[in-house]
Amino acid sequence: MAYKSFEDLKVWQRACRLAIEIFEEFRSFDFINLRNQIERSALSIPSNIAEGAERGGVKEFSQFLKIAKGSCGELRTQLYIAAKLKTLESQKSKSLIAESKEISAMIEGLRKSITKTTKTAPKPNNTRTKTT
């Protein structure tokens, strides 16, 4: 997986678009606490992808991708609740939920690809011999 910056990652780009769509869709949402939580969850997804990528280490990046994926689940839960409260058009909620599922799958794919490269790397040989 070669990229120069997190801005090059398609998953980060899609997560940003989802966050913008969430902010626009929920601008006049009546349930203030739920709206704030939905917005925070949506904003957390691309933010954690970016933060993990900028940290530089595979282990840290993987951990931040797990957090971003968790935020996708959190967002989906809140969207299901908003839909049940009938504060969001059915087709719109389905569309947002579907997009968050796709982004979640992309995050997991990215996480697996970066951790796979470290697991398949050859381990250094131990040249020390055991003496008795």
Protein backbone atom coordinates (compact mmCIF):
# COMPACT_ATOMS: atom_id res chain seq x y z
CA MET A 1 0.00 0.00 0.00
CA ALA A 2 1.77 3.13 -1.19
CA TYR A 3 0.49 6.59 -0.50
CA LYS A 4 2.13 9.92 0.15
CA SER A 5 -0.41 11.38 2.53
CA PHE A 6 -3.71 10.45 4.15
CA GLU A 7 -5.36 12.82 1.68
CA ASP A 8 -4.54 10.24 -1.03
CA LEU A 9 -6.55 7.51 0.71
CA LYS A 10 -9.94 6.90 -0.94
CA VAL A 11 -11.39 5.81 2.40
CA TRP A 12 -10.42 9.14 3.99
CA GLN A 13 -11.93 11.04 1.04
CA ARG A 14 -15.22 9.11 1.29
CA ALA A 15 -15.33 9.53 5.06
CA CYS A 16 -14.90 13.29 4.63
CA ARG A 17 -17.75 13.39 2.12
CA LEU A 18 -19.94 11.39 4.51
CA ALA A 19 -19.16 13.77 7.38
CA ILE A 20 -20.05 16.78 5.22
CA GLU A 21 -23.28 15.11 4.12
CA ILE A 22 -24.15 14.36 7.76
CA PHE A 23 -23.54 17.97 8.81
CA GLU A 24 -25.69 19.24 5.94
CA GLU A 25 -28.48 16.71 6.51
CA PHE A 26 -28.72 17.27 10.26
CA ARG A 27 -28.35 21.06 10.20
CA SER A 28 -31.96 21.62 11.35
CA PHE A 29 -32.38 18.38 13.31
CA ASP A 30 -34.60 18.90 16.38
CA PHE A 31 -32.93 16.40 18.70
CA ILE A 32 -29.89 18.51 19.62
CA ASN A 33 -28.06 15.89 21.71
CA LEU A 34 -28.50 13.19 19.09
CA ARG A 35 -27.49 15.60 16.32
CA ASN A 36 -24.32 16.54 18.19
CA GLN A 37 -23.44 12.89 18.75
CA ILE A 38 -24.10 12.01 15.10
CA GLU A 39 -21.91 14.88 13.96
CA ARG A 40 -19.10 13.91 16.35
CA SER A 41 -19.21 10.28 15.21
CA ALA A 42 -19.16 11.27 11.55
CA LEU A 43 -16.29 13.71 12.08
CA SER A 44 -14.34 11.13 14.08
CA ILE A 45 -14.08 8.70 11.15
CA PRO A 46 -11.84 10.73 8.78
CA SER A 47 -10.11 12.40 11.72
CA ASN A 48 -8.90 9.09 13.15
CA ILE A 49 -7.82 7.85 9.73
CA ALA A 50 -5.75 11.03 9.30
CA GLU A 51 -4.31 10.96 12.81
CA GLY A 52 -3.28 7.33 12.53
CA ALA A 53 -1.64 7.88 9.15
CA GLU A 54 0.29 10.86 10.46
CA ARG A 55 1.65 8.96 13.47
CA GLY A 56 3.97 7.04 11.18
CA GLY A 57 3.90 3.57 12.72
CA VAL A 58 1.93 0.61 11.41
CA LYS A 59 0.79 -0.44 14.88
CA GLU A 60 -0.53 3.02 15.71
CA PHE A 61 -2.13 3.45 12.30
CA SER A 62 -3.88 0.11 12.73
CA GLN A 63 -5.16 1.15 16.16
CA PHE A 64 -6.54 4.44 14.83
CA LEU A 65 -8.20 2.57 11.96
CA LYS A 66 -9.92 0.37 14.56
CA ILE A 67 -11.14 3.51 16.31
CA ALA A 68 -12.40 4.94 12.99
CA LYS A 69 -14.21 1.66 12.27
CA GLY A 70 -15.77 1.81 15.73
CA SER A 71 -16.97 5.33 14.96
CA CYS A 72 -18.65 3.95 11.82
CA GLY A 73 -20.59 1.52 14.00
CA GLU A 74 -21.46 4.29 16.43
CA LEU A 75 -22.67 6.49 13.57
CA ARG A 76 -24.79 3.69 12.09
CA THR A 77 -26.44 3.09 15.47
CA GLN A 78 -27.31 6.76 15.75
CA LEU A 79 -28.64 6.83 12.20
CA TYR A 80 -30.87 3.83 12.96
CA ILE A 81 -32.21 5.70 16.00
CA ALA A 82 -32.78 8.89 13.98
CA ALA A 83 -34.66 6.82 11.39
CA LYS A 84 -36.83 5.21 14.08
CA LEU A 85 -37.65 8.66 15.43
CA LYS A 86 -38.80 9.48 11.89
CA THR A 87 -36.63 12.57 11.84
CA LEU A 88 -34.83 11.43 8.74
CA GLU A 89 -36.35 10.43 5.40
CA SER A 90 -36.26 6.64 5.04
CA GLN A 91 -34.33 6.61 1.76
CA LYS A 92 -31.81 9.13 3.09
CA SER A 93 -31.17 7.13 6.25
CA LYS A 94 -30.71 3.96 4.17
CA SER A 95 -28.25 5.77 1.93
CA LEU A 96 -26.20 7.14 4.85
CA ILE A 97 -26.19 3.77 6.61
CA ALA A 98 -25.08 1.99 3.41
CA GLU A 99 -22.26 4.49 2.90
CA SER A 100 -21.07 4.07 6.48
CA LYS A 101 -21.06 0.27 6.00
CA GLU A 102 -18.96 0.60 2.85
CA ILE A 103 -16.53 2.96 4.56
CA SER A 104 -16.28 0.55 7.50
CA ALA A 105 -15.39 -2.28 5.11
CA MET A 106 -12.80 -0.08 3.39
CA ILE A 107 -11.24 0.79 6.74
CA GLU A 108 -10.99 -2.90 7.63
CA GLY A 109 -9.45 -3.67 4.25
CA LEU A 110 -6.88 -0.92 4.73
CA ARG A 111 -6.11 -2.11 8.25
CA LYS A 112 -5.58 -5.67 7.05
CA SER A 113 -3.37 -4.53 4.18
CA ILE A 114 -1.05 -2.49 6.40
CA THR A 115 -0.79 -5.17 9.08
CA LYS A 116 -0.30 -7.93 6.48
CA THR A 117 2.87 -6.28 5.22
CA THR A 118 4.40 -6.34 8.69
CA LYS A 119 3.32 -9.95 9.38
CA THR A 120 4.81 -11.27 6.15
CA ALA A 121 8.10 -9.46 6.52
CA PRO A 122 10.97 -11.89 7.16
CA LYS A 123 12.17 -12.07 10.73
CA PRO A 124 15.87 -11.62 11.33
CA ASN A 125 17.81 -14.83 11.87
CA ASN A 126 19.13 -15.44 15.32
CA THR A 127 22.82 -16.09 14.70
CA ARG A 128 23.66 -16.77 18.31
CA THR A 129 24.31 -20.38 19.05
CA LYS A 130 23.36 -21.97 22.29
CA THR A 131 26.29 -23.08 24.38
CA THR A 132 26.12 -25.66 27.13
